[in-house]
Amino acid sequence: MLGWELPPHNSGGLGVACYHLSKALALKGASIDFVVPYSAEHENIDFMKVHNATTLSPLERMGMGAYESGAVRETAEGQDLGDLKDIRDVQREYTRFVEKMVTKKPAKFDAIHAHDWLTMEAGIRAKQITDAPLIVHVHATEFDRAGGNSGNPVVHEIEYQGLMVADRIIAVSEITKNIIIDKYHIPADKIEVVHNAIDVSSFDDGYDYDRRTYRYLEELKSEGYTIISAVTRFTIQKGLEYLVRATAKASTKYDRIALLLAGDGEQRDELIELASELGISDKVFFTGFVRGKQWRDAYSVSDIFVLSSVSEPFGLTALEAAHHDNALIVTRQSGVGEVLNDIFKYNFWDVDRLADQMVGIATSDALRDSLKKNVAVEYARVSWNDIAKQCMQLYSGTAKLRVGAPA
């Protein structure tokens, strides 16, 4: 299993998905060697072996812009990889580590499961050495990350090569599958849609919401305010400019709303300036990057969660927010809308519709309670156990196809 992060050293949903998928696979009997591009302890992981491909700390790895692919560039071959300067250096060192790992025991691995463009080159190399089937798991494409722009040609090329060489492709939604088909011209029968899920038991650790974290917002709620939140990276992909503009429009119709933006990213200053220009600086609250208890507190203080992405392959945060008793509004460009029905949807650019939906939920207790109750039933139906079963069948079927036996 080739990944780029695992909790608690993750910056978003990719690490969460990899953790819960791997745990569910292990419960079904899979023996997993998971490679990450940094060195750190994963004390809560005892169901698989985690390998550290470099000596970088998780923070150093994140500081290289792993998820801001606009900064990714090609670097000269043959440089000293003991001095890792950017994300391409880290990827090359990661690939070399995987090469050594699989060369030692080339017959050990029945399948190679690579997550997103960051690990595709290592996955291709591992397949070349072991002849094991390569499964490429697409959580997001460069077309998603570019948010409607052209994206980085280096990343596009890596994704194309990985998708072409892969024996099978897992897409986290029909939206993602269609992007792979339309943009990379991959045959549809090579791609299987496997939605993400939520492990509600992972939240049963005895932690209760700490009202002191967002004391001011709690005071606003006691005065009748509705708290709207987004927990995300502040990048163009996430459509936060539209969310801030919708909040301004909604405030002209119903004054008792506030927006909590939990996260960080290159658009932070731009969003702060936008809130000021629109005259709603007193209604928009920025937390900075959150994880662990603060991340869960952000969900808990919120009444309405908005997934405002321009292009969101899935959107695990929506499931997490629903579990924390939020009504949901998501863009029609978000894959999580394929597994949830009792939610409000809008096109990411439709600021007026989003504003109306925010006001509608905020001003109707009956509507808000109905949305919360019904979506709780829906998200409980999606299970990592079912997803692991699909993956195990995919591993087995792909291996049989490679030796010419019927799947």
Protein backbone atom coordinates (compact mmCIF):
# COMPACT_ATOMS: atom_id res chain seq x y z
CA MET A 1 0.00 0.00 0.00
CA LEU A 2 1.55 3.25 -1.19
CA GLY A 3 0.18 6.38 0.48
CA TRP A 4 1.20 9.91 1.37
CA GLU A 5 -0.15 10.28 4.90
CA LEU A 6 -1.78 8.54 7.84
CA PRO A 7 -3.40 9.97 10.98
CA PRO A 8 -2.38 11.72 13.12
CA HIS A 9 0.06 13.15 10.56
CA ASN A 10 -2.53 13.90 7.90
CA SER A 11 -3.69 17.17 6.40
CA GLY A 12 -7.04 15.99 5.11
CA GLY A 13 -9.29 13.16 3.99
CA LEU A 14 -6.68 11.14 2.06
CA GLY A 15 -4.96 9.96 5.23
CA VAL A 16 -8.27 9.24 6.94
CA ALA A 17 -9.49 7.15 4.01
CA CYS A 18 -6.21 5.21 3.79
CA TYR A 19 -6.28 4.50 7.53
CA HIS A 20 -9.84 3.16 7.68
CA LEU A 21 -9.55 1.23 4.40
CA SER A 22 -6.34 -0.45 5.55
CA LYS A 23 -7.83 -1.30 8.93
CA ALA A 24 -10.88 -2.87 7.31
CA LEU A 25 -8.67 -4.82 4.87
CA ALA A 26 -6.56 -6.11 7.76
CA LEU A 27 -9.71 -7.34 9.51
CA LYS A 28 -10.44 -9.34 6.36
CA GLY A 29 -7.05 -11.01 6.50
CA ALA A 30 -4.87 -8.74 4.40
CA SER A 31 -1.23 -8.37 5.44
CA ILE A 32 -0.28 -4.78 4.62
CA ASP A 33 3.04 -2.98 4.26
CA PHE A 34 2.15 0.72 4.11
CA VAL A 35 4.78 3.21 2.89
CA VAL A 36 4.67 6.90 3.88
CA PRO A 37 7.13 9.62 2.72
CA TYR A 38 8.13 10.82 6.20
CA SER A 39 9.39 9.49 9.53
CA ALA A 40 7.01 9.48 12.50
CA GLU A 41 5.41 7.21 15.04
CA HIS A 42 1.93 5.85 14.35
CA GLU A 43 1.15 4.56 17.80
CA ASN A 44 -2.50 3.85 17.05
CA ILE A 45 -1.69 1.54 14.13
CA ASP A 46 -1.06 -2.08 15.02
CA PHE A 47 -2.92 -3.76 12.15
CA MET A 48 -0.23 -3.19 9.50
CA LYS A 49 3.46 -2.37 9.17
CA VAL A 50 4.21 1.28 8.40
CA HIS A 51 7.47 2.03 6.54
CA ASN A 52 9.13 5.47 6.53
CA ALA A 53 10.60 6.26 3.11
CA THR A 54 12.54 9.37 4.15
CA THR A 55 13.82 11.06 7.30
CA LEU A 56 11.62 14.11 6.76
CA SER A 57 9.22 15.05 9.51
CA PRO A 58 5.50 15.20 8.60
CA LEU A 59 5.62 19.01 8.83
CA GLU A 60 8.62 19.22 6.49
CA ARG A 61 6.84 17.00 3.99
CA MET A 62 3.71 19.16 4.14
CA GLY A 63 5.77 22.34 3.80
CA MET A 64 6.79 21.25 0.31
CA GLY A 65 3.28 21.78 -1.00
CA ALA A 66 2.17 18.19 -1.58
CA TYR A 67 -1.40 19.28 -2.22
CA GLU A 68 -0.69 22.57 -4.00
CA SER A 69 0.32 20.99 -7.28
CA GLY A 70 0.73 24.34 -9.01
CA ALA A 71 4.10 24.56 -7.26
CA VAL A 72 5.23 21.14 -8.44
CA ARG A 73 8.08 21.26 -10.92
CA GLU A 74 10.43 18.87 -12.64
CA THR A 75 13.91 18.81 -11.09
CA ALA A 76 17.18 17.60 -12.54
CA GLU A 77 17.93 13.91 -12.28
CA GLY A 78 20.99 12.77 -10.35
CA GLN A 79 20.95 15.36 -7.60
CA ASP A 80 21.76 14.50 -4.01
CA LEU A 81 18.52 13.19 -2.55
CA GLY A 82 19.92 13.52 0.93
CA ASP A 83 18.91 17.17 0.62
CA LEU A 84 15.24 17.02 -0.32
CA LYS A 85 14.26 20.42 -1.68
CA ASP A 86 10.78 19.93 -3.11
CA ILE A 87 8.00 17.42 -3.54
CA ARG A 88 9.53 15.91 -6.69
CA ASP A 89 12.69 15.13 -4.72
CA VAL A 90 10.56 13.41 -2.09
CA GLN A 91 8.73 11.39 -4.72
CA ARG A 92 12.00 10.16 -6.23
CA GLU A 93 13.36 9.17 -2.83
CA TYR A 94 10.04 7.48 -2.06
CA THR A 95 10.27 5.51 -5.32
CA ARG A 96 13.84 4.43 -4.55
CA PHE A 97 12.76 3.24 -1.13
CA VAL A 98 9.94 1.19 -2.67
CA GLU A 99 12.34 -0.25 -5.26
CA LYS A 100 14.66 -1.52 -2.52
CA MET A 101 11.77 -2.80 -0.46
CA VAL A 102 10.17 -4.91 -3.20
CA THR A 103 13.53 -6.07 -4.61
CA LYS A 104 14.37 -7.74 -1.31
CA LYS A 105 11.24 -9.90 -1.48
CA PRO A 106 9.83 -9.57 -5.01
CA ALA A 107 7.47 -12.55 -4.61
CA LYS A 108 6.05 -11.32 -1.33
CA PHE A 109 3.39 -8.97 -2.65
CA ASP A 110 0.14 -10.14 -4.21
CA ALA A 111 -0.97 -6.62 -5.10
CA ILE A 112 0.30 -3.04 -5.17
CA HIS A 113 -2.27 -0.43 -4.15
CA ALA A 114 -1.16 3.15 -4.91
CA HIS A 115 -3.10 6.22 -3.76
CA ASP A 116 -3.19 9.31 -6.01
CA TRP A 117 -0.53 10.86 -8.24
CA LEU A 118 1.97 11.27 -5.42
CA THR A 119 2.65 7.50 -5.32
CA MET A 120 1.91 6.44 -8.89
CA GLU A 121 5.53 6.47 -10.06
CA ALA A 122 6.53 4.24 -7.14
CA GLY A 123 3.60 1.96 -7.94
CA ILE A 124 4.68 1.62 -11.57
CA ARG A 125 8.23 0.77 -10.52
CA ALA A 126 7.03 -1.80 -7.97
CA LYS A 127 4.90 -3.45 -10.64
CA GLN A 128 7.88 -3.62 -13.02
CA ILE A 129 9.99 -5.38 -10.39
CA THR A 130 7.40 -7.76 -8.89
CA ASP A 131 4.95 -8.24 -11.79
CA ALA A 132 2.22 -7.94 -9.14
CA PRO A 133 -1.00 -6.24 -10.27
CA LEU A 134 -1.12 -2.49 -9.77
CA ILE A 135 -4.31 -0.93 -8.45
CA VAL A 136 -4.37 2.87 -8.66
CA HIS A 137 -6.81 4.50 -6.24
CA VAL A 138 -7.90 7.97 -7.39
CA HIS A 139 -9.07 10.21 -4.56
CA ALA A 140 -8.56 13.38 -6.63
CA THR A 141 -7.20 14.26 -10.05
CA GLU A 142 -5.21 17.30 -11.10
CA PHE A 143 -8.38 18.53 -12.80
CA ASP A 144 -10.04 18.60 -9.37
CA ARG A 145 -7.13 20.33 -7.66
CA ALA A 146 -6.90 22.97 -10.41
CA GLY A 147 -10.48 24.03 -9.70
CA GLY A 148 -11.38 24.57 -13.32
CA ASN A 149 -7.95 25.79 -14.41
CA SER A 150 -5.56 23.86 -16.65
CA GLY A 151 -3.51 22.40 -13.81
CA ASN A 152 0.12 21.35 -13.69
CA PRO A 153 1.36 19.48 -16.81
CA VAL A 154 3.91 17.50 -14.76
CA VAL A 155 1.12 16.14 -12.56
CA HIS A 156 -1.12 15.45 -15.55
CA GLU A 157 1.64 13.36 -17.14
CA ILE A 158 2.22 11.35 -13.96
CA GLU A 159 -1.50 10.70 -13.58
CA TYR A 160 -1.82 9.64 -17.22
CA GLN A 161 1.08 7.20 -16.94
CA GLY A 162 -0.23 5.75 -13.69
CA LEU A 163 -3.74 5.28 -15.05
CA MET A 164 -2.46 3.70 -18.28
CA VAL A 165 -0.12 1.24 -16.54
CA ALA A 166 -2.57 0.29 -13.77
CA ASP A 167 -4.26 -3.10 -14.06
CA ARG A 168 -7.34 -1.69 -12.34
CA ILE A 169 -8.42 1.76 -11.20
CA ILE A 170 -10.54 2.63 -8.18
CA ALA A 171 -12.44 5.93 -8.39
CA VAL A 172 -14.07 7.32 -5.26
CA SER A 173 -17.16 8.48 -7.16
CA GLU A 174 -18.91 8.42 -10.53
CA ILE A 175 -17.79 12.04 -10.90
CA THR A 176 -14.16 10.96 -10.62
CA LYS A 177 -14.68 8.00 -12.96
CA ASN A 178 -16.12 10.30 -15.62
CA ILE A 179 -13.16 12.70 -15.30
CA ILE A 180 -10.74 9.78 -15.78
CA ILE A 181 -12.65 8.66 -18.88
CA ASP A 182 -13.18 12.11 -20.40
CA LYS A 183 -9.84 13.73 -19.61
CA TYR A 184 -7.44 10.77 -19.75
CA HIS A 185 -9.36 8.58 -22.22
CA ILE A 186 -9.18 5.48 -20.03
CA PRO A 187 -11.65 2.68 -20.88
CA ALA A 188 -14.65 2.67 -18.55
CA ASP A 189 -14.40 -1.08 -17.90
CA LYS A 190 -10.98 -0.57 -16.32
CA ILE A 191 -12.45 1.65 -13.58
CA GLU A 192 -14.49 0.61 -10.57
CA VAL A 193 -16.33 3.12 -8.38
CA VAL A 194 -15.77 2.49 -4.67
CA HIS A 195 -17.23 5.23 -2.47
CA ASN A 196 -15.64 6.22 0.81
CA ALA A 197 -17.33 5.62 4.16
CA ILE A 198 -17.17 6.64 7.80
CA ASP A 199 -16.22 4.56 10.83
CA VAL A 200 -18.48 5.97 13.54
CA SER A 201 -16.81 3.80 16.18
CA SER A 202 -13.60 5.81 15.70
CA PHE A 203 -15.34 8.73 17.38
CA ASP A 204 -16.30 6.66 20.43
CA ASP A 205 -13.15 7.43 22.41
CA GLY A 206 -14.72 9.19 25.35
CA TYR A 207 -14.05 12.68 24.07
CA ASP A 208 -16.86 15.19 24.51
CA TYR A 209 -17.16 18.52 22.76
CA ASP A 210 -15.27 21.23 24.64
CA ARG A 211 -17.48 24.31 24.57
CA ARG A 212 -14.55 26.48 25.64
CA THR A 213 -12.87 26.00 22.24
CA TYR A 214 -15.46 28.17 20.49
CA ARG A 215 -16.85 30.06 23.47
CA TYR A 216 -17.69 33.17 21.46
CA LEU A 217 -19.61 31.16 18.86
CA GLU A 218 -21.48 29.39 21.66
CA GLU A 219 -22.48 32.80 22.99
CA LEU A 220 -23.74 33.73 19.53
CA LYS A 221 -25.77 30.51 19.40
CA SER A 222 -27.35 31.34 22.76
CA GLU A 223 -28.51 34.60 21.12
CA GLY A 224 -30.17 32.68 18.28
CA TYR A 225 -27.36 32.61 15.72
CA THR A 226 -26.90 29.70 13.33
CA ILE A 227 -23.30 28.59 12.84
CA ILE A 228 -22.32 27.54 9.32
CA SER A 229 -18.98 25.80 8.87
CA ALA A 230 -16.49 24.45 6.38
CA VAL A 231 -13.55 22.26 7.45
CA THR A 232 -11.13 22.18 4.56
CA ARG A 233 -7.95 23.37 2.87
CA PHE A 234 -8.10 26.93 1.62
CA THR A 235 -7.42 26.25 -2.05
CA ILE A 236 -9.20 27.20 -5.26
CA GLN A 237 -10.59 23.67 -5.51
CA LYS A 238 -12.67 24.16 -2.37
CA GLY A 239 -14.78 27.06 -3.69
CA LEU A 240 -14.54 29.09 -0.48
CA GLU A 241 -14.78 32.45 -2.27
CA TYR A 242 -18.31 31.50 -3.34
CA LEU A 243 -19.15 30.41 0.20
CA VAL A 244 -18.02 33.75 1.67
CA ARG A 245 -19.99 35.67 -0.97
CA ALA A 246 -23.08 33.55 -0.25
CA THR A 247 -22.70 34.28 3.46
CA ALA A 248 -22.73 38.01 2.69
CA LYS A 249 -25.90 37.63 0.60
CA ALA A 250 -27.56 35.47 3.23
CA SER A 251 -26.76 38.06 5.91
CA THR A 252 -28.81 40.66 4.07
CA LYS A 253 -31.86 38.39 4.41
CA TYR A 254 -31.21 36.95 7.87
CA ASP A 255 -28.72 38.62 10.15
CA ARG A 256 -28.19 35.88 12.75
CA ILE A 257 -25.72 33.68 10.93
CA ALA A 258 -21.96 33.26 11.32
CA LEU A 259 -19.42 31.37 9.21
CA LEU A 260 -16.63 29.25 10.72
CA LEU A 261 -13.78 28.46 8.32
CA ALA A 262 -11.60 25.76 9.89
CA GLY A 263 -8.37 25.09 8.03
CA ASP A 264 -5.58 26.87 6.23
CA GLY A 265 -4.04 27.25 2.79
CA GLU A 266 -2.79 29.68 0.19
CA GLN A 267 -6.16 31.48 -0.07
CA ARG A 268 -6.34 32.43 3.61
CA ASP A 269 -5.36 36.10 3.26
CA GLU A 270 -7.49 36.48 0.14
CA LEU A 271 -10.56 35.18 2.01
CA ILE A 272 -9.93 37.47 5.00
CA GLU A 273 -9.73 40.45 2.62
CA LEU A 274 -12.89 39.34 0.81
CA ALA A 275 -14.86 39.11 4.08
CA SER A 276 -13.70 42.64 4.89
CA GLU A 277 -14.66 43.98 1.44
CA LEU A 278 -18.12 42.45 1.77
CA GLY A 279 -18.59 43.95 5.23
CA ILE A 280 -18.93 40.64 7.09
CA SER A 281 -15.60 40.44 8.95
CA ASP A 282 -17.59 40.22 12.19
CA LYS A 283 -19.41 37.15 10.89
CA VAL A 284 -16.53 35.09 9.48
CA PHE A 285 -14.17 33.29 11.85
CA PHE A 286 -10.86 31.69 10.86
CA THR A 287 -9.40 28.98 13.09
CA GLY A 288 -6.17 28.16 11.28
CA PHE A 289 -5.24 24.53 10.67
CA VAL A 290 -7.08 22.15 12.99
CA ARG A 291 -6.71 18.47 13.80
CA GLY A 292 -7.74 16.08 16.55
CA LYS A 293 -10.04 17.54 19.19
CA GLN A 294 -10.16 21.01 17.63
CA TRP A 295 -11.23 19.49 14.32
CA ARG A 296 -14.10 17.65 16.02
CA ASP A 297 -15.04 20.74 18.03
CA ALA A 298 -15.43 22.65 14.74
CA TYR A 299 -18.06 20.15 13.65
CA SER A 300 -19.74 20.14 17.04
CA VAL A 301 -20.26 23.89 17.28
CA SER A 302 -21.73 23.99 13.79
CA ASP A 303 -25.40 23.70 12.78
CA ILE A 304 -24.95 23.63 9.00
CA PHE A 305 -21.96 22.22 7.14
CA VAL A 306 -21.22 23.41 3.61
CA LEU A 307 -19.05 21.46 1.17
CA SER A 308 -18.48 24.23 -1.36
CA SER A 309 -15.97 22.53 -3.66
CA VAL A 310 -15.63 23.40 -7.31
CA SER A 311 -14.71 19.76 -7.88
CA GLU A 312 -14.76 17.27 -4.98
CA PRO A 313 -14.18 13.60 -5.86
CA PHE A 314 -15.88 12.51 -2.64
CA GLY A 315 -15.89 14.69 0.50
CA LEU A 316 -15.39 12.69 3.71
CA THR A 317 -15.83 15.83 5.79
CA ALA A 318 -19.53 15.84 4.91
CA LEU A 319 -19.99 12.40 6.47
CA GLU A 320 -18.03 13.49 9.54
CA ALA A 321 -20.11 16.65 9.87
CA ALA A 322 -23.35 14.66 9.56
CA HIS A 323 -22.16 12.40 12.37
CA HIS A 324 -21.71 15.54 14.48
CA ASP A 325 -25.36 16.54 13.96
CA ASN A 326 -25.03 18.98 11.07
CA ALA A 327 -27.47 19.63 8.27
CA LEU A 328 -25.59 19.38 4.97
CA ILE A 329 -25.32 21.58 1.90
CA VAL A 330 -22.98 20.26 -0.81
CA THR A 331 -22.18 21.21 -4.37
CA ARG A 332 -23.49 19.08 -7.21
CA GLN A 333 -19.82 18.70 -8.13
CA SER A 334 -19.16 16.63 -4.96
CA GLY A 335 -19.09 12.83 -5.03
CA VAL A 336 -20.56 12.42 -1.53
CA GLY A 337 -23.89 13.51 -3.06
CA GLU A 338 -23.97 10.09 -4.76
CA VAL A 339 -24.48 8.32 -1.41
CA LEU A 340 -26.57 10.94 0.43
CA ASN A 341 -30.02 12.19 -0.56
CA ASP A 342 -31.36 14.12 2.44
CA ILE A 343 -29.12 17.10 1.82
CA PHE A 344 -29.35 20.38 -0.04
CA LYS A 345 -27.37 20.64 -3.29
CA TYR A 346 -26.31 23.54 -5.48
CA ASN A 347 -23.89 24.29 -8.32
CA PHE A 348 -20.69 25.72 -6.88
CA TRP A 349 -21.04 29.03 -8.74
CA ASP A 350 -24.68 29.61 -7.71
CA VAL A 351 -24.14 32.02 -4.82
CA ASP A 352 -27.80 33.09 -4.73
CA ARG A 353 -29.09 29.53 -4.38
CA LEU A 354 -26.56 28.73 -1.64
CA ALA A 355 -27.55 31.88 0.25
CA ASP A 356 -31.23 30.94 0.03
CA GLN A 357 -30.51 27.40 1.26
CA MET A 358 -28.49 28.72 4.20
CA VAL A 359 -31.28 31.10 5.19
CA GLY A 360 -33.95 28.43 4.68
CA ILE A 361 -32.28 26.01 7.08
CA ALA A 362 -31.34 28.72 9.57
CA THR A 363 -34.90 30.04 9.82
CA SER A 364 -36.71 26.70 10.04
CA ASP A 365 -36.09 24.46 13.05
CA ALA A 366 -38.32 21.78 11.53
CA LEU A 367 -36.35 21.71 8.27
CA ARG A 368 -32.99 21.68 10.03
CA ASP A 369 -34.02 18.86 12.39
CA SER A 370 -35.45 16.81 9.52
CA LEU A 371 -32.26 17.12 7.46
CA LYS A 372 -30.10 16.12 10.43
CA LYS A 373 -32.26 13.13 11.34
CA ASN A 374 -32.59 11.75 7.82
CA VAL A 375 -28.95 12.11 6.79
CA ALA A 376 -27.89 10.28 9.96
CA VAL A 377 -29.76 7.22 8.70
CA GLU A 378 -28.11 7.50 5.29
CA TYR A 379 -24.47 7.82 6.34
CA ALA A 380 -24.85 4.87 8.70
CA ARG A 381 -25.45 2.63 5.67
CA VAL A 382 -22.00 3.17 4.15
CA SER A 383 -19.35 0.92 5.67
CA TRP A 384 -15.58 0.50 5.35
CA ASN A 385 -16.21 -3.22 5.82
CA ASP A 386 -18.18 -3.31 2.55
CA ILE A 387 -15.50 -1.25 0.80
CA ALA A 388 -12.75 -3.59 2.00
CA LYS A 389 -14.76 -6.53 0.65
CA GLN A 390 -14.90 -4.83 -2.77
CA CYS A 391 -11.15 -4.23 -2.70
CA MET A 392 -10.34 -7.82 -1.73
CA GLN A 393 -12.47 -9.05 -4.61
CA LEU A 394 -10.71 -6.58 -6.90
CA TYR A 395 -7.26 -7.81 -5.82
CA SER A 396 -8.27 -11.42 -6.39
CA GLY A 397 -9.97 -10.79 -9.73
CA THR A 398 -7.08 -8.71 -11.06
CA ALA A 399 -4.53 -11.37 -10.11
CA LYS A 400 -6.56 -14.06 -11.90
CA LEU A 401 -6.90 -11.93 -15.03
CA ARG A 402 -3.12 -11.42 -15.16
CA VAL A 403 -2.47 -15.17 -15.28
CA GLY A 404 -5.19 -15.75 -17.83
CA ALA A 405 -7.68 -17.51 -15.55
CA PRO A 406 -11.34 -16.50 -15.44
CA ALA A 407 -12.02 -13.86 -12.77
